[in-house]
Amino acid sequence: MTVSTTLRDVIGLDGALPALSGSTLIMIDFQNTYRTGVMALPGAGAALDAASRLLARARAAGTPVVHVVNDGGEGTPYDIRAEIGRIADPVAPLDGEPVVVKGFPNSFHDTDLLDVLRRLDAGPDLVLAGFMTHMCVQFTAQGAFNLGYRPTVVAEACATRPLAAPDGAAIPADALHAAALTTIGDLFGLIAPREADLPA
């Protein structure tokens, strides 16, 4: 099967992965929400391991780190006041690392994320990782692109869940993950398959 040229290539956008040291890392919704219970993701453990490595590299390089969490309110799987909604220990924020609270898939919508990035004097390159690939990661990448940033998503540091297609057919988590990354890579941002693929 012949594949189409990406929109990025058609309009001449740069395809080189950014250096981690020259970027800002945005860690999206690495909450316990996705490790247990109704929203547990089949690939959460592996993605969290990769995110932990990415975060360690970023901190060692002096890369600014911003954490984003979704607050669904008390008693929900996204209750940030409860253990279920807290950021998982392996990637928990350090003192001084901003935490942005959101209520929509796009981390820029109705939040102070843009103000945080401006205070950090963030350049165009943003590195994104998190849960879920087809939802908050994809829409945050689109939001960043629309604001003039150059997002890069680290594929192995993201995960999603299986869902039913409109015709009722089961879409495996890895297929939905790949489709979301393909959508991002068509226009909104770059895809780094592994954290190690990002230059230092």
Protein backbone atom coordinates (compact mmCIF):
# COMPACT_ATOMS: atom_id res chain seq x y z
CA MET A 1 0.00 0.00 0.00
CA THR A 2 1.27 3.46 -0.90
CA VAL A 3 1.12 6.00 1.91
CA SER A 4 0.40 9.69 1.54
CA THR A 5 2.88 12.48 2.08
CA THR A 6 2.39 14.12 5.45
CA LEU A 7 0.98 17.60 5.65
CA ARG A 8 4.18 18.60 7.44
CA ASP A 9 6.20 17.61 4.39
CA VAL A 10 3.74 19.23 1.98
CA ILE A 11 4.06 22.62 3.69
CA GLY A 12 7.77 22.27 4.46
CA LEU A 13 7.86 22.05 8.26
CA ASP A 14 11.12 21.02 9.91
CA GLY A 15 11.36 17.30 10.69
CA ALA A 16 14.44 17.26 12.94
CA LEU A 17 13.90 16.12 16.51
CA PRO A 18 14.80 18.80 19.07
CA ALA A 19 17.53 18.58 21.67
CA LEU A 20 16.06 17.84 25.08
CA SER A 21 18.30 20.48 26.66
CA GLY A 22 16.80 23.16 24.41
CA SER A 23 13.18 22.18 25.03
CA THR A 24 10.55 22.33 27.75
CA LEU A 25 9.15 19.01 28.97
CA ILE A 26 5.39 18.77 29.56
CA MET A 27 4.29 15.71 31.54
CA ILE A 28 0.58 15.18 30.91
CA ASP A 29 -1.77 13.38 33.31
CA PHE A 30 0.64 10.81 34.74
CA GLN A 31 -1.97 10.19 37.40
CA ASN A 32 -2.72 7.02 39.33
CA THR A 33 -6.08 7.23 37.56
CA TYR A 34 -4.55 5.33 34.68
CA ARG A 35 -2.80 2.64 36.72
CA THR A 36 -5.79 1.04 38.41
CA GLY A 37 -9.57 0.85 38.25
CA VAL A 38 -11.94 1.72 35.44
CA MET A 39 -9.40 3.87 33.55
CA ALA A 40 -6.38 1.55 33.82
CA LEU A 41 -4.34 1.50 30.62
CA PRO A 42 -2.75 -1.77 29.42
CA GLY A 43 0.52 0.02 28.59
CA ALA A 44 0.66 2.34 31.57
CA GLY A 45 3.56 0.59 33.31
CA ALA A 46 5.90 0.60 30.31
CA ALA A 47 4.99 4.18 29.44
CA LEU A 48 5.60 5.29 33.02
CA ASP A 49 9.02 3.64 33.00
CA ALA A 50 9.92 5.49 29.79
CA ALA A 51 8.55 8.74 31.20
CA SER A 52 10.67 8.32 34.31
CA ARG A 53 13.79 7.95 32.16
CA LEU A 54 12.78 10.98 30.09
CA LEU A 55 12.16 13.04 33.20
CA ALA A 56 15.52 12.07 34.72
CA ARG A 57 17.30 13.08 31.51
CA ALA A 58 15.45 16.39 31.39
CA ARG A 59 16.27 17.24 34.99
CA ALA A 60 19.93 16.33 34.48
CA ALA A 61 20.04 18.58 31.40
CA GLY A 62 18.43 21.50 33.20
CA THR A 63 15.36 21.29 30.96
CA PRO A 64 12.32 23.09 32.42
CA VAL A 65 9.60 20.62 33.44
CA VAL A 66 5.88 21.34 33.67
CA HIS A 67 3.40 18.80 35.05
CA VAL A 68 -0.25 18.77 34.01
CA VAL A 69 -3.07 17.02 35.88
CA ASN A 70 -6.74 16.62 35.10
CA ASP A 71 -9.14 17.40 37.93
CA GLY A 72 -12.51 15.73 37.52
CA GLY A 73 -13.76 16.66 40.95
CA GLU A 74 -14.18 14.90 44.27
CA GLY A 75 -15.09 11.24 44.13
CA THR A 76 -14.10 10.79 40.48
CA PRO A 77 -11.16 8.78 39.10
CA TYR A 78 -9.58 12.19 38.42
CA ASP A 79 -9.86 13.53 41.97
CA ILE A 80 -6.52 15.24 42.52
CA ARG A 81 -7.27 15.51 46.24
CA ALA A 82 -7.24 11.70 46.51
CA GLU A 83 -4.56 9.08 45.88
CA ILE A 84 -6.30 7.95 42.68
CA GLY A 85 -5.83 11.35 41.04
CA ARG A 86 -2.31 12.11 42.23
CA ILE A 87 0.73 12.06 39.96
CA ALA A 88 2.41 8.65 40.10
CA ASP A 89 5.43 8.51 42.40
CA PRO A 90 8.02 7.66 39.70
CA VAL A 91 7.36 10.99 37.97
CA ALA A 92 6.17 13.12 40.89
CA PRO A 93 7.04 16.83 40.68
CA LEU A 94 10.01 18.23 42.52
CA ASP A 95 9.78 21.46 44.45
CA GLY A 96 9.72 24.32 42.00
CA GLU A 97 8.34 22.35 39.06
CA PRO A 98 5.00 23.94 38.07
CA VAL A 99 1.81 21.86 38.16
CA VAL A 100 -1.01 23.00 35.87
CA VAL A 101 -4.55 21.84 36.63
CA LYS A 102 -6.90 21.35 33.69
CA GLY A 103 -10.44 20.21 33.02
CA PHE A 104 -10.27 19.63 29.26
CA PRO A 105 -8.14 17.40 26.97
CA ASN A 106 -6.21 20.39 25.59
CA SER A 107 -3.85 21.38 28.40
CA PHE A 108 -3.89 24.98 27.15
CA HIS A 109 -7.66 25.38 27.32
CA ASP A 110 -8.86 27.40 30.32
CA THR A 111 -5.55 26.91 32.19
CA ASP A 112 -2.45 28.97 32.93
CA LEU A 113 -0.14 26.69 30.93
CA LEU A 114 0.64 29.38 28.35
CA ASP A 115 1.48 31.85 31.13
CA VAL A 116 3.70 29.24 32.79
CA LEU A 117 5.59 28.65 29.55
CA ARG A 118 6.05 32.38 29.06
CA ARG A 119 7.39 32.76 32.62
CA LEU A 120 9.84 29.95 31.88
CA ASP A 121 10.82 31.72 28.66
CA ALA A 122 10.11 28.47 26.84
CA GLY A 123 11.32 28.38 23.27
CA PRO A 124 9.36 26.87 20.44
CA ASP A 125 10.25 23.25 21.26
CA LEU A 126 7.98 21.41 23.67
CA VAL A 127 8.46 17.71 24.47
CA LEU A 128 5.22 15.96 25.43
CA ALA A 129 4.59 12.67 27.20
CA GLY A 130 1.60 11.30 29.04
CA PHE A 131 -1.81 9.72 29.20
CA MET A 132 -3.86 9.18 27.07
CA THR A 133 -2.26 9.28 23.64
CA HIS A 134 -5.50 9.68 21.69
CA MET A 135 -6.98 12.22 24.06
CA CYS A 136 -4.98 14.68 26.20
CA VAL A 137 -1.63 14.12 24.48
CA GLN A 138 -3.09 14.54 21.00
CA PHE A 139 -5.17 17.60 21.84
CA THR A 140 -2.35 19.26 23.78
CA ALA A 141 -0.04 18.74 20.80
CA GLN A 142 -2.65 20.35 18.57
CA GLY A 143 -3.11 23.20 21.05
CA ALA A 144 0.63 23.80 21.19
CA PHE A 145 0.89 23.81 17.40
CA ASN A 146 -1.99 26.28 17.11
CA LEU A 147 -0.16 28.61 19.50
CA GLY A 148 3.03 28.55 17.44
CA TYR A 149 5.00 25.99 19.45
CA ARG A 150 6.80 23.00 17.95
CA PRO A 151 5.66 19.95 19.93
CA THR A 152 7.39 16.59 19.91
CA VAL A 153 5.63 13.56 21.42
CA VAL A 154 7.69 10.72 22.89
CA ALA A 155 5.74 7.66 21.78
CA GLU A 156 7.04 5.14 24.30
CA ALA A 157 6.19 7.51 27.15
CA CYS A 158 2.48 7.58 26.22
CA ALA A 159 -0.32 5.03 26.39
CA THR A 160 -4.03 4.70 25.79
CA ARG A 161 -6.83 2.14 26.13
CA PRO A 162 -8.86 -0.11 23.81
CA LEU A 163 -12.16 1.31 22.59
CA ALA A 164 -15.07 0.34 20.36
CA ALA A 165 -15.16 1.80 16.85
CA PRO A 166 -18.40 3.34 15.56
CA ASP A 167 -19.30 -0.01 13.97
CA GLY A 168 -18.72 -1.78 17.27
CA ALA A 169 -15.43 -3.40 16.29
CA ALA A 170 -12.79 -3.49 19.02
CA ILE A 171 -9.85 -1.15 18.47
CA PRO A 172 -6.84 -2.43 20.45
CA ALA A 173 -4.96 0.07 22.58
CA ASP A 174 -1.81 -0.20 20.47
CA ALA A 175 -3.80 0.53 17.28
CA LEU A 176 -5.43 3.60 18.82
CA HIS A 177 -2.04 4.70 20.17
CA ALA A 178 -0.52 4.40 16.69
CA ALA A 179 -3.43 6.21 15.06
CA ALA A 180 -3.18 9.12 17.49
CA LEU A 181 0.57 9.43 16.96
CA THR A 182 0.02 9.28 13.20
CA THR A 183 -2.52 12.09 13.43
CA ILE A 184 -0.08 14.21 15.43
CA GLY A 185 2.77 13.43 13.06
CA ASP A 186 0.76 14.35 9.99
CA LEU A 187 0.71 18.02 11.01
CA PHE A 188 0.76 19.03 14.65
CA GLY A 189 4.12 17.75 15.82
CA LEU A 190 7.05 15.40 15.60
CA ILE A 191 7.16 11.87 16.99
CA ALA A 192 10.18 10.48 18.83
CA PRO A 193 9.66 6.71 19.08
CA ARG A 194 11.86 6.47 22.21
CA GLU A 195 13.11 8.96 24.76
CA ALA A 196 16.65 7.98 23.77
CA ASP A 197 15.94 9.26 20.24
CA LEU A 198 15.92 12.86 21.49
CA PRO A 199 19.38 14.45 21.22
CA ALA A 200 20.85 15.58 24.51
